[in-house]
Amino acid sequence: LLRVMLVYSGNDAAENVAINVAGSEGAFVGLMNEKAQELGMEN
């Protein structure tokens, strides 16, 4: 799923990565924003 997502940019692969990793898209997006803050991506 990750390879199809990064190489081909498959949106269905990305959504299924999120659900399988975090249980839901919303929970996964929360982790994405936490990671962004951790890296200093302020905008």
Full PDB file with SEQRES, HELIX, SHEET, SSBOND, CRYST1, ORIGX, SCALE, CONECT and MASTER records, all heavy atoms in Angstrom:
SEQRES   1 A   43  LEU LEU ARG VAL MET LEU VAL TYR SER GLY ASN ASP ALA          
SEQRES   2 A   43  ALA GLU ASN VAL ALA ILE ASN VAL ALA GLY SER GLU GLY          
SEQRES   3 A   43  ALA PHE VAL GLY LEU MET ASN GLU LYS ALA GLN GLU LEU          
SEQRES   4 A   43  GLY MET GLU ASN                                              
HELIX    1 AA1 LEU A    2  VAL A    7  1                                   6    
HELIX    2 AA2 ASN A   11  ALA A   22  1                                  12    
HELIX    3 AA3 GLU A   25  LEU A   39  1                                  15    
CRYST1    1.000    1.000    1.000  90.00  90.00  90.00 P 1           1          
ORIGX1      1.000000  0.000000  0.000000        0.00000                         
ORIGX2      0.000000  1.000000  0.000000        0.00000                         
ORIGX3      0.000000  0.000000  1.000000        0.00000                         
SCALE1      1.000000  0.000000  0.000000        0.00000                         
SCALE2      0.000000  1.000000  0.000000        0.00000                         
SCALE3      0.000000  0.000000  1.000000        0.00000                         
ATOM      1  N   LEU A   1       0.827  -1.209   0.000  1.00  0.00           N  
ATOM      2  CA  LEU A   1       0.000   0.000   0.000  1.00  0.00           C  
ATOM      3  C   LEU A   1       0.862   1.260   0.000  1.00  0.00           C  
ATOM      4  O   LEU A   1       0.586   2.224  -0.737  1.00  0.00           O  
ATOM      5  CB  LEU A   1      -0.924   0.005   1.215  1.00  0.00           C  
ATOM      6  CG  LEU A   1      -2.127  -0.939   1.193  1.00  0.00           C  
ATOM      7  CD1 LEU A   1      -2.872  -0.862   2.517  1.00  0.00           C  
ATOM      8  CD2 LEU A   1      -3.059  -0.617   0.022  1.00  0.00           C  
ATOM      9  N   LEU A   2       1.894   1.268   0.825  1.00  0.00           N  
ATOM     10  CA  LEU A   2       2.773   2.434   0.896  1.00  0.00           C  
ATOM     11  C   LEU A   2       3.488   2.671  -0.430  1.00  0.00           C  
ATOM     12  O   LEU A   2       3.643   3.820  -0.879  1.00  0.00           O  
ATOM     13  CB  LEU A   2       3.790   2.268   2.020  1.00  0.00           C  
ATOM     14  CG  LEU A   2       3.252   2.397   3.449  1.00  0.00           C  
ATOM     15  CD1 LEU A   2       4.313   1.982   4.463  1.00  0.00           C  
ATOM     16  CD2 LEU A   2       2.788   3.825   3.725  1.00  0.00           C  
ATOM     17  N   ARG A   3       3.913   1.611  -1.075  1.00  0.00           N  
ATOM     18  CA  ARG A   3       4.632   1.764  -2.339  1.00  0.00           C  
ATOM     19  C   ARG A   3       3.709   2.284  -3.441  1.00  0.00           C  
ATOM     20  O   ARG A   3       4.093   3.164  -4.224  1.00  0.00           O  
ATOM     21  CB  ARG A   3       5.285   0.440  -2.741  1.00  0.00           C  
ATOM     22  CG  ARG A   3       6.361  -0.029  -1.767  1.00  0.00           C  
ATOM     23  CD  ARG A   3       7.188  -1.144  -2.352  1.00  0.00           C  
ATOM     24  NE  ARG A   3       8.037  -0.634  -3.424  1.00  0.00           N  
ATOM     25  CZ  ARG A   3       8.649  -1.394  -4.328  1.00  0.00           C  
ATOM     26  NH1 ARG A   3       8.463  -2.704  -4.313  1.00  0.00           N  
ATOM     27  NH2 ARG A   3       9.411  -0.859  -5.255  1.00  0.00           N  
ATOM     28  N   VAL A   4       2.494   1.743  -3.520  1.00  0.00           N  
ATOM     29  CA  VAL A   4       1.538   2.254  -4.507  1.00  0.00           C  
ATOM     30  C   VAL A   4       1.195   3.712  -4.203  1.00  0.00           C  
ATOM     31  O   VAL A   4       1.068   4.542  -5.113  1.00  0.00           O  
ATOM     32  CB  VAL A   4       0.263   1.386  -4.523  1.00  0.00           C  
ATOM     33  CG1 VAL A   4      -0.818   2.025  -5.387  1.00  0.00           C  
ATOM     34  CG2 VAL A   4       0.583  -0.012  -5.033  1.00  0.00           C  
ATOM     35  N   MET A   5       1.089   4.047  -2.946  1.00  0.00           N  
ATOM     36  CA  MET A   5       0.765   5.411  -2.539  1.00  0.00           C  
ATOM     37  C   MET A   5       1.870   6.387  -2.933  1.00  0.00           C  
ATOM     38  O   MET A   5       1.605   7.480  -3.461  1.00  0.00           O  
ATOM     39  CB  MET A   5       0.559   5.451  -1.021  1.00  0.00           C  
ATOM     40  CG  MET A   5       0.248   6.820  -0.460  1.00  0.00           C  
ATOM     41  SD  MET A   5       0.221   6.823   1.346  1.00  0.00           S  
ATOM     42  CE  MET A   5       1.993   6.792   1.727  1.00  0.00           C  
ATOM     43  N   LEU A   6       3.135   6.022  -2.711  1.00  0.00           N  
ATOM     44  CA  LEU A   6       4.243   6.939  -2.962  1.00  0.00           C  
ATOM     45  C   LEU A   6       4.653   6.984  -4.428  1.00  0.00           C  
ATOM     46  O   LEU A   6       5.046   8.041  -4.933  1.00  0.00           O  
ATOM     47  CB  LEU A   6       5.446   6.546  -2.107  1.00  0.00           C  
ATOM     48  CG  LEU A   6       5.320   6.776  -0.598  1.00  0.00           C  
ATOM     49  CD1 LEU A   6       6.490   6.160   0.147  1.00  0.00           C  
ATOM     50  CD2 LEU A   6       5.214   8.269  -0.280  1.00  0.00           C  
ATOM     51  N   VAL A   7       4.586   5.860  -5.116  1.00  0.00           N  
ATOM     52  CA  VAL A   7       5.032   5.805  -6.512  1.00  0.00           C  
ATOM     53  C   VAL A   7       3.930   6.290  -7.459  1.00  0.00           C  
ATOM     54  O   VAL A   7       4.148   7.175  -8.288  1.00  0.00           O  
ATOM     55  CB  VAL A   7       5.476   4.374  -6.878  1.00  0.00           C  
ATOM     56  CG1 VAL A   7       5.802   4.275  -8.377  1.00  0.00           C  
ATOM     57  CG2 VAL A   7       6.686   3.970  -6.043  1.00  0.00           C  
ATOM     58  N   TYR A   8       2.755   5.712  -7.324  1.00  0.00           N  
ATOM     59  CA  TYR A   8       1.651   6.008  -8.238  1.00  0.00           C  
ATOM     60  C   TYR A   8       0.725   7.093  -7.711  1.00  0.00           C  
ATOM     61  O   TYR A   8      -0.093   7.643  -8.456  1.00  0.00           O  
ATOM     62  CB  TYR A   8       0.864   4.716  -8.485  1.00  0.00           C  
ATOM     63  CG  TYR A   8      -0.335   4.880  -9.384  1.00  0.00           C  
ATOM     64  CD1 TYR A   8      -0.180   5.198 -10.740  1.00  0.00           C  
ATOM     65  CD2 TYR A   8      -1.619   4.698  -8.889  1.00  0.00           C  
ATOM     66  CE1 TYR A   8      -1.294   5.341 -11.558  1.00  0.00           C  
ATOM     67  CE2 TYR A   8      -2.735   4.837  -9.705  1.00  0.00           C  
ATOM     68  CZ  TYR A   8      -2.559   5.163 -11.039  1.00  0.00           C  
ATOM     69  OH  TYR A   8      -3.650   5.302 -11.851  1.00  0.00           O  
ATOM     70  N   SER A   9       0.832   7.404  -6.430  1.00  0.00           N  
ATOM     71  CA  SER A   9      -0.007   8.403  -5.772  1.00  0.00           C  
ATOM     72  C   SER A   9      -1.464   7.951  -5.665  1.00  0.00           C  
ATOM     73  O   SER A   9      -2.396   8.753  -5.782  1.00  0.00           O  
ATOM     74  CB  SER A   9       0.065   9.754  -6.494  1.00  0.00           C  
ATOM     75  OG  SER A   9      -0.288  10.810  -5.631  1.00  0.00           O  
ATOM     76  N   GLY A  10      -1.670   6.649  -5.420  1.00  0.00           N  
ATOM     77  CA  GLY A  10      -3.016   6.127  -5.271  1.00  0.00           C  
ATOM     78  C   GLY A  10      -3.696   6.627  -4.006  1.00  0.00           C  
ATOM     79  O   GLY A  10      -3.227   6.382  -2.892  1.00  0.00           O  
ATOM     80  N   ASN A  11      -4.806   7.333  -4.179  1.00  0.00           N  
ATOM     81  CA  ASN A  11      -5.499   7.898  -3.026  1.00  0.00           C  
ATOM     82  C   ASN A  11      -6.193   6.822  -2.193  1.00  0.00           C  
ATOM     83  O   ASN A  11      -6.301   6.946  -0.966  1.00  0.00           O  
ATOM     84  CB  ASN A  11      -6.522   8.937  -3.495  1.00  0.00           C  
ATOM     85  CG  ASN A  11      -5.850  10.160  -4.093  1.00  0.00           C  
ATOM     86  OD1 ASN A  11      -4.826  10.613  -3.608  1.00  0.00           O  
ATOM     87  ND2 ASN A  11      -6.419  10.674  -5.172  1.00  0.00           N  
ATOM     88  N   ASP A  12      -6.673   5.762  -2.861  1.00  0.00           N  
ATOM     89  CA  ASP A  12      -7.292   4.676  -2.095  1.00  0.00           C  
ATOM     90  C   ASP A  12      -6.254   3.951  -1.244  1.00  0.00           C  
ATOM     91  O   ASP A  12      -6.550   3.504  -0.124  1.00  0.00           O  
ATOM     92  CB  ASP A  12      -8.023   3.706  -3.020  1.00  0.00           C  
ATOM     93  CG  ASP A  12      -7.157   3.180  -4.160  1.00  0.00           C  
ATOM     94  OD1 ASP A  12      -6.084   3.756  -4.428  1.00  0.00           O  
ATOM     95  OD2 ASP A  12      -7.575   2.189  -4.808  1.00  0.00           O  
ATOM     96  N   ALA A  13      -5.024   3.862  -1.737  1.00  0.00           N  
ATOM     97  CA  ALA A  13      -3.954   3.259  -0.943  1.00  0.00           C  
ATOM     98  C   ALA A  13      -3.679   4.096   0.300  1.00  0.00           C  
ATOM     99  O   ALA A  13      -3.526   3.564   1.405  1.00  0.00           O  
ATOM    100  CB  ALA A  13      -2.688   3.119  -1.788  1.00  0.00           C  
ATOM    101  N   ALA A  14      -3.654   5.438   0.143  1.00  0.00           N  
ATOM    102  CA  ALA A  14      -3.381   6.325   1.282  1.00  0.00           C  
ATOM    103  C   ALA A  14      -4.458   6.197   2.348  1.00  0.00           C  
ATOM    104  O   ALA A  14      -4.169   6.125   3.550  1.00  0.00           O  
ATOM    105  CB  ALA A  14      -3.275   7.765   0.800  1.00  0.00           C  
ATOM    106  N   GLU A  15      -5.728   6.180   1.923  1.00  0.00           N  
ATOM    107  CA  GLU A  15      -6.813   6.095   2.900  1.00  0.00           C  
ATOM    108  C   GLU A  15      -6.782   4.765   3.643  1.00  0.00           C  
ATOM    109  O   GLU A  15      -7.020   4.710   4.853  1.00  0.00           O  
ATOM    110  CB  GLU A  15      -8.162   6.299   2.214  1.00  0.00           C  
ATOM    111  CG  GLU A  15      -9.308   6.357   3.201  1.00  0.00           C  
ATOM    112  CD  GLU A  15     -10.533   7.059   2.626  1.00  0.00           C  
ATOM    113  OE1 GLU A  15     -10.393   8.213   2.191  1.00  0.00           O  
ATOM    114  OE2 GLU A  15     -11.606   6.445   2.625  1.00  0.00           O  
ATOM    115  N   ASN A  16      -6.454   3.698   2.944  1.00  0.00           N  
ATOM    116  CA  ASN A  16      -6.397   2.398   3.600  1.00  0.00           C  
ATOM    117  C   ASN A  16      -5.166   2.247   4.490  1.00  0.00           C  
ATOM    118  O   ASN A  16      -5.211   1.526   5.484  1.00  0.00           O  
ATOM    119  CB  ASN A  16      -6.465   1.284   2.561  1.00  0.00           C  
ATOM    120  CG  ASN A  16      -7.897   0.972   2.148  1.00  0.00           C  
ATOM    121  OD1 ASN A  16      -8.626   0.312   2.872  1.00  0.00           O  
ATOM    122  ND2 ASN A  16      -8.303   1.483   0.996  1.00  0.00           N  
ATOM    123  N   VAL A  17      -4.077   2.924   4.154  1.00  0.00           N  
ATOM    124  CA  VAL A  17      -2.937   2.976   5.067  1.00  0.00           C  
ATOM    125  C   VAL A  17      -3.377   3.594   6.391  1.00  0.00           C  
ATOM    126  O   VAL A  17      -3.107   3.071   7.475  1.00  0.00           O  
ATOM    127  CB  VAL A  17      -1.766   3.788   4.455  1.00  0.00           C  
ATOM    128  CG1 VAL A  17      -0.746   4.151   5.533  1.00  0.00           C  
ATOM    129  CG2 VAL A  17      -1.081   3.001   3.339  1.00  0.00           C  
ATOM    130  N   ALA A  18      -4.092   4.708   6.309  1.00  0.00           N  
ATOM    131  CA  ALA A  18      -4.525   5.419   7.512  1.00  0.00           C  
ATOM    132  C   ALA A  18      -5.426   4.552   8.381  1.00  0.00           C  
ATOM    133  O   ALA A  18      -5.241   4.460   9.611  1.00  0.00           O  
ATOM    134  CB  ALA A  18      -5.244   6.713   7.117  1.00  0.00           C  
ATOM    135  N   ILE A  19      -6.408   3.903   7.765  1.00  0.00           N  
ATOM    136  CA  ILE A  19      -7.370   3.117   8.538  1.00  0.00           C  
ATOM    137  C   ILE A  19      -6.701   1.896   9.168  1.00  0.00           C  
ATOM    138  O   ILE A  19      -6.961   1.558  10.339  1.00  0.00           O  
ATOM    139  CB  ILE A  19      -8.551   2.695   7.644  1.00  0.00           C  
ATOM    140  CG1 ILE A  19      -9.329   3.933   7.167  1.00  0.00           C  
ATOM    141  CG2 ILE A  19      -9.475   1.737   8.384  1.00  0.00           C  
ATOM    142  CD1 ILE A  19     -10.387   3.636   6.116  1.00  0.00           C  
ATOM    143  N   ASN A  20      -5.826   1.237   8.429  1.00  0.00           N  
ATOM    144  CA  ASN A  20      -5.176   0.033   8.952  1.00  0.00           C  
ATOM    145  C   ASN A  20      -4.164   0.356  10.040  1.00  0.00           C  
ATOM    146  O   ASN A  20      -3.920  -0.455  10.926  1.00  0.00           O  
ATOM    147  CB  ASN A  20      -4.503  -0.739   7.819  1.00  0.00           C  
ATOM    148  CG  ASN A  20      -5.471  -1.625   7.064  1.00  0.00           C  
ATOM    149  OD1 ASN A  20      -5.693  -2.774   7.422  1.00  0.00           O  
ATOM    150  ND2 ASN A  20      -6.082  -1.077   6.014  1.00  0.00           N  
ATOM    151  N   VAL A  21      -3.561   1.536   9.997  1.00  0.00           N  
ATOM    152  CA  VAL A  21      -2.561   1.908  11.010  1.00  0.00           C  
ATOM    153  C   VAL A  21      -3.218   2.448  12.272  1.00  0.00           C  
ATOM    154  O   VAL A  21      -2.847   2.070  13.390  1.00  0.00           O  
ATOM    155  CB  VAL A  21      -1.564   2.939  10.433  1.00  0.00           C  
ATOM    156  CG1 VAL A  21      -0.711   3.555  11.545  1.00  0.00           C  
ATOM    157  CG2 VAL A  21      -0.659   2.278   9.392  1.00  0.00           C  
ATOM    158  N   ALA A  22      -4.204   3.331  12.121  1.00  0.00           N  
ATOM    159  CA  ALA A  22      -4.764   4.035  13.283  1.00  0.00           C  
ATOM    160  C   ALA A  22      -6.201   3.671  13.613  1.00  0.00           C  
ATOM    161  O   ALA A  22      -6.730   4.146  14.616  1.00  0.00           O  
ATOM    162  CB  ALA A  22      -4.649   5.547  13.067  1.00  0.00           C  
ATOM    163  N   GLY A  23      -6.844   2.870  12.790  1.00  0.00           N  
ATOM    164  CA  GLY A  23      -8.221   2.476  13.070  1.00  0.00           C  
ATOM    165  C   GLY A  23      -9.257   3.333  12.388  1.00  0.00           C  
ATOM    166  O   GLY A  23     -10.373   2.886  12.129  1.00  0.00           O  
ATOM    167  N   SER A  24      -8.890   4.586  12.104  1.00  0.00           N  
ATOM    168  CA  SER A  24      -9.794   5.487  11.395  1.00  0.00           C  
ATOM    169  C   SER A  24      -8.977   6.586  10.746  1.00  0.00           C  
ATOM    170  O   SER A  24      -7.842   6.883  11.165  1.00  0.00           O  
ATOM    171  CB  SER A  24     -10.822   6.115  12.345  1.00  0.00           C  
ATOM    172  OG  SER A  24     -10.196   7.042  13.220  1.00  0.00           O  
ATOM    173  N   GLU A  25      -9.559   7.199   9.725  1.00  0.00           N  
ATOM    174  CA  GLU A  25      -8.869   8.288   9.050  1.00  0.00           C  
ATOM    175  C   GLU A  25      -8.649   9.458  10.003  1.00  0.00           C  
ATOM    176  O   GLU A  25      -7.580  10.070  10.019  1.00  0.00           O  
ATOM    177  CB  GLU A  25      -9.673   8.739   7.829  1.00  0.00           C  
ATOM    178  CG  GLU A  25      -9.012   9.866   7.051  1.00  0.00           C  
ATOM    179  CD  GLU A  25      -9.801  10.269   5.823  1.00  0.00           C  
ATOM    180  OE1 GLU A  25     -10.358   9.371   5.150  1.00  0.00           O  
ATOM    181  OE2 GLU A  25      -9.869  11.480   5.539  1.00  0.00           O  
ATOM    182  N   GLY A  26      -9.668   9.783  10.811  1.00  0.00           N  
ATOM    183  CA  GLY A  26      -9.544  10.915  11.732  1.00  0.00           C  
ATOM    184  C   GLY A  26      -8.428  10.737  12.733  1.00  0.00           C  
ATOM    185  O   GLY A  26      -7.672  11.679  13.015  1.00  0.00           O  
ATOM    186  N   ALA A  27      -8.312   9.538  13.303  1.00  0.00           N  
ATOM    187  CA  ALA A  27      -7.255   9.284  14.272  1.00  0.00           C  
ATOM    188  C   ALA A  27      -5.888   9.404  13.623  1.00  0.00           C  
ATOM    189  O   ALA A  27      -4.935   9.932  14.215  1.00  0.00           O  
ATOM    190  CB  ALA A  27      -7.425   7.895  14.885  1.00  0.00           C  
ATOM    191  N   PHE A  28      -5.783   8.926  12.380  1.00  0.00           N  
ATOM    192  CA  PHE A  28      -4.496   8.993  11.681  1.00  0.00           C  
ATOM    193  C   PHE A  28      -4.120  10.438  11.370  1.00  0.00           C  
ATOM    194  O   PHE A  28      -2.961  10.839  11.523  1.00  0.00           O  
ATOM    195  CB  PHE A  28      -4.569   8.182  10.386  1.00  0.00           C  
ATOM    196  CG  PHE A  28      -3.241   8.004   9.706  1.00  0.00           C  
ATOM    197  CD1 PHE A  28      -2.404   6.950  10.029  1.00  0.00           C  
ATOM    198  CD2 PHE A  28      -2.824   8.901   8.729  1.00  0.00           C  
ATOM    199  CE1 PHE A  28      -1.179   6.786   9.412  1.00  0.00           C  
ATOM    200  CE2 PHE A  28      -1.603   8.755   8.100  1.00  0.00           C  
ATOM    201  CZ  PHE A  28      -0.778   7.687   8.447  1.00  0.00           C  
ATOM    202  N   VAL A  29      -5.092  11.234  10.930  1.00  0.00           N  
ATOM    203  CA  VAL A  29      -4.817  12.646  10.629  1.00  0.00           C  
ATOM    204  C   VAL A  29      -4.329  13.374  11.881  1.00  0.00           C  
ATOM    205  O   VAL A  29      -3.455  14.241  11.807  1.00  0.00           O  
ATOM    206  CB  VAL A  29      -6.068  13.320  10.042  1.00  0.00           C  
ATOM    207  CG1 VAL A  29      -5.894  14.832   9.971  1.00  0.00           C  
ATOM    208  CG2 VAL A  29      -6.365  12.747   8.651  1.00  0.00           C  
ATOM    209  N   GLY A  30      -4.867  13.013  13.038  1.00  0.00           N  
ATOM    210  CA  GLY A  30      -4.372  13.601  14.278  1.00  0.00           C  
ATOM    211  C   GLY A  30      -2.893  13.316  14.477  1.00  0.00           C  
ATOM    212  O   GLY A  30      -2.127  14.193  14.912  1.00  0.00           O  
ATOM    213  N   LEU A  31      -2.471  12.100  14.149  1.00  0.00           N  
ATOM    214  CA  LEU A  31      -1.052  11.749  14.259  1.00  0.00           C  
ATOM    215  C   LEU A  31      -0.213  12.523  13.251  1.00  0.00           C  
ATOM    216  O   LEU A  31       0.929  12.897  13.544  1.00  0.00           O  
ATOM    217  CB  LEU A  31      -0.879  10.246  14.034  1.00  0.00           C  
ATOM    218  CG  LEU A  31      -1.537   9.319  15.053  1.00  0.00           C  
ATOM    219  CD1 LEU A  31      -1.383   7.859  14.636  1.00  0.00           C  
ATOM    220  CD2 LEU A  31      -0.939   9.542  16.439  1.00  0.00           C  
ATOM    221  N   MET A  32      -0.776  12.779  12.085  1.00  0.00           N  
ATOM    222  CA  MET A  32      -0.054  13.562  11.079  1.00  0.00           C  
ATOM    223  C   MET A  32       0.211  14.982  11.574  1.00  0.00           C  
ATOM    224  O   MET A  32       1.321  15.510  11.414  1.00  0.00           O  
ATOM    225  CB  MET A  32      -0.866  13.611   9.774  1.00  0.00           C  
ATOM    226  CG  MET A  32      -1.029  12.270   9.080  1.00  0.00           C  
ATOM    227  SD  MET A  32      -2.152  12.362   7.660  1.00  0.00           S  
ATOM    228  CE  MET A  32      -1.153  13.268   6.475  1.00  0.00           C  
ATOM    229  N   ASN A  33      -0.777  15.589  12.188  1.00  0.00           N  
ATOM    230  CA  ASN A  33      -0.593  16.950  12.687  1.00  0.00           C  
ATOM    231  C   ASN A  33       0.361  16.998  13.883  1.00  0.00           C  
ATOM    232  O   ASN A  33       1.118  17.957  14.046  1.00  0.00           O  
ATOM    233  CB  ASN A  33      -1.950  17.564  13.040  1.00  0.00           C  
ATOM    234  CG  ASN A  33      -2.736  17.952  11.808  1.00  0.00           C  
ATOM    235  OD1 ASN A  33      -2.213  18.609  10.910  1.00  0.00           O  
ATOM    236  ND2 ASN A  33      -3.990  17.540  11.734  1.00  0.00           N  
ATOM    237  N   GLU A  34       0.328  15.960  14.701  1.00  0.00           N  
ATOM    238  CA  GLU A  34       1.303  15.883  15.793  1.00  0.00           C  
ATOM    239  C   GLU A  34       2.722  15.786  15.244  1.00  0.00           C  
ATOM    240  O   GLU A  34       3.644  16.434  15.754  1.00  0.00           O  
ATOM    241  CB  GLU A  34       1.003  14.669  16.681  1.00  0.00           C  
ATOM    242  CG  GLU A  34      -0.237  14.808  17.546  1.00  0.00           C  
ATOM    243  CD  GLU A  34      -0.490  13.565  18.375  1.00  0.00           C  
ATOM    244  OE1 GLU A  34       0.419  12.697  18.455  1.00  0.00           O  
ATOM    245  OE2 GLU A  34      -1.595  13.437  18.939  1.00  0.00           O  
ATOM    246  N   LYS A  35       2.905  14.985  14.211  1.00  0.00           N  
ATOM    247  CA  LYS A  35       4.227  14.838  13.593  1.00  0.00           C  
ATOM    248  C   LYS A  35       4.685  16.150  12.978  1.00  0.00           C  
ATOM    249  O   LYS A  35       5.867  16.522  13.082  1.00  0.00           O  
ATOM    250  CB  LYS A  35       4.176  13.742  12.523  1.00  0.00           C  
ATOM    251  CG  LYS A  35       5.514  13.436  11.871  1.00  0.00           C  
ATOM    252  CD  LYS A  35       6.455  12.745  12.834  1.00  0.00           C  
ATOM    253  CE  LYS A  35       7.729  12.312  12.137  1.00  0.00           C  
ATOM    254  NZ  LYS A  35       8.664  11.627  13.063  1.00  0.00           N  
ATOM    255  N   ALA A  36       3.773  16.862  12.341  1.00  0.00           N  
ATOM    256  CA  ALA A  36       4.121  18.148  11.739  1.00  0.00           C  
ATOM    257  C   ALA A  36       4.616  19.127  12.791  1.00  0.00           C  
ATOM    258  O   ALA A  36       5.608  19.843  12.593  1.00  0.00           O  
ATOM    259  CB  ALA A  36       2.913  18.722  10.996  1.00  0.00           C  
ATOM    260  N   GLN A  37       3.935  19.168  13.934  1.00  0.00           N  
ATOM    261  CA  GLN A  37       4.365  20.052  15.015  1.00  0.00           C  
ATOM    262  C   GLN A  37       5.713  19.622  15.570  1.00  0.00           C  
ATOM    263  O   GLN A  37       6.573  20.454  15.893  1.00  0.00           O  
ATOM    264  CB  GLN A  37       3.310  20.056  16.128  1.00  0.00           C  
ATOM    265  CG  GLN A  37       2.015  20.750  15.734  1.00  0.00           C  
ATOM    266  CD  GLN A  37       2.245  22.204  15.345  1.00  0.00           C  
ATOM    267  OE1 GLN A  37       2.825  22.975  16.107  1.00  0.00           O  
ATOM    268  NE2 GLN A  37       1.805  22.567  14.150  1.00  0.00           N  
ATOM    269  N   GLU A  38       5.903  18.320  15.674  1.00  0.00           N  
ATOM    270  CA  GLU A  38       7.183  17.797  16.173  1.00  0.00           C  
ATOM    271  C   GLU A  38       8.343  18.221  15.277  1.00  0.00           C  
ATOM    272  O   GLU A  38       9.429  18.552  15.765  1.00  0.00           O  
ATOM    273  CB  GLU A  38       7.112  16.265  16.225  1.00  0.00           C  
ATOM    274  CG  GLU A  38       8.411  15.579  16.586  1.00  0.00           C  
ATOM    275  CD  GLU A  38       8.332  14.081  16.373  1.00  0.00           C  
ATOM    276  OE1 GLU A  38       7.251  13.487  16.618  1.00  0.00           O  
ATOM    277  OE2 GLU A  38       9.337  13.481  15.932  1.00  0.00           O  
ATOM    278  N   LEU A  39       8.113  18.256  13.970  1.00  0.00           N  
ATOM    279  CA  LEU A  39       9.167  18.622  13.025  1.00  0.00           C  
ATOM    280  C   LEU A  39       9.353  20.131  12.904  1.00  0.00           C  
ATOM    281  O   LEU A  39      10.323  20.580  12.296  1.00  0.00           O  
ATOM    282  CB  LEU A  39       8.851  18.041  11.641  1.00  0.00           C  
ATOM    283  CG  LEU A  39       8.814  16.515  11.526  1.00  0.00           C  
ATOM    284  CD1 LEU A  39       8.515  16.102  10.096  1.00  0.00           C  
ATOM    285  CD2 LEU A  39      10.135  15.908  11.989  1.00  0.00           C  
ATOM    286  N   GLY A  40       8.438  20.918  13.452  1.00  0.00           N  
ATOM    287  CA  GLY A  40       8.539  22.372  13.336  1.00  0.00           C  
ATOM    288  C   GLY A  40       7.870  22.924  12.096  1.00  0.00           C  
ATOM    289  O   GLY A  40       8.201  24.032  11.658  1.00  0.00           O  
ATOM    290  N   MET A  41       6.920  22.186  11.540  1.00  0.00           N  
ATOM    291  CA  MET A  41       6.177  22.656  10.369  1.00  0.00           C  
ATOM    292  C   MET A  41       5.039  23.556  10.852  1.00  0.00           C  
ATOM    293  O   MET A  41       3.883  23.147  10.962  1.00  0.00           O  
ATOM    294  CB  MET A  41       5.666  21.453   9.570  1.00  0.00           C  
ATOM    295  CG  MET A  41       6.778  20.570   9.041  1.00  0.00           C  
ATOM    296  SD  MET A  41       6.189  19.007   8.304  1.00  0.00           S  
ATOM    297  CE  MET A  41       5.268  19.588   6.881  1.00  0.00           C  
ATOM    298  N   GLU A  42       5.356  24.801  11.124  1.00  0.00           N  
ATOM    299  CA  GLU A  42       4.449  25.707  11.823  1.00  0.00           C  
ATOM    300  C   GLU A  42       3.302  26.213  10.951  1.00  0.00           C  
ATOM    301  O   GLU A  42       2.296  26.695  11.474  1.00  0.00           O  
ATOM    302  CB  GLU A  42       5.242  26.880  12.389  1.00  0.00           C  
ATOM    303  CG  GLU A  42       6.284  26.470  13.432  1.00  0.00           C  
ATOM    304  CD  GLU A  42       7.059  27.646  13.967  1.00  0.00           C  
ATOM    305  OE1 GLU A  42       6.862  28.772  13.452  1.00  0.00           O  
ATOM    306  OE2 GLU A  42       7.869  27.448  14.895  1.00  0.00           O  
ATOM    307  N   ASN A  43       3.460  26.146   9.634  1.00  0.00           N  
ATOM    308  CA  ASN A  43       2.423  26.649   8.738  1.00  0.00           C  
ATOM    309  C   ASN A  43       1.767  25.517   7.961  1.00  0.00           C  
ATOM    310  O   ASN A  43       1.397  25.684   6.796  1.00  0.00           O  
ATOM    311  CB  ASN A  43       3.024  27.670   7.765  1.00  0.00           C  
ATOM    312  CG  ASN A  43       3.365  28.968   8.462  1.00  0.00           C  
ATOM    313  OD1 ASN A  43       2.507  29.604   9.062  1.00  0.00           O  
ATOM    314  ND2 ASN A  43       4.630  29.347   8.422  1.00  0.00           N  
TER     315      ASN A  43                                                      
MASTER        0    0    0    3    0    0    0    6  314    1    0    4          
END                                                                             
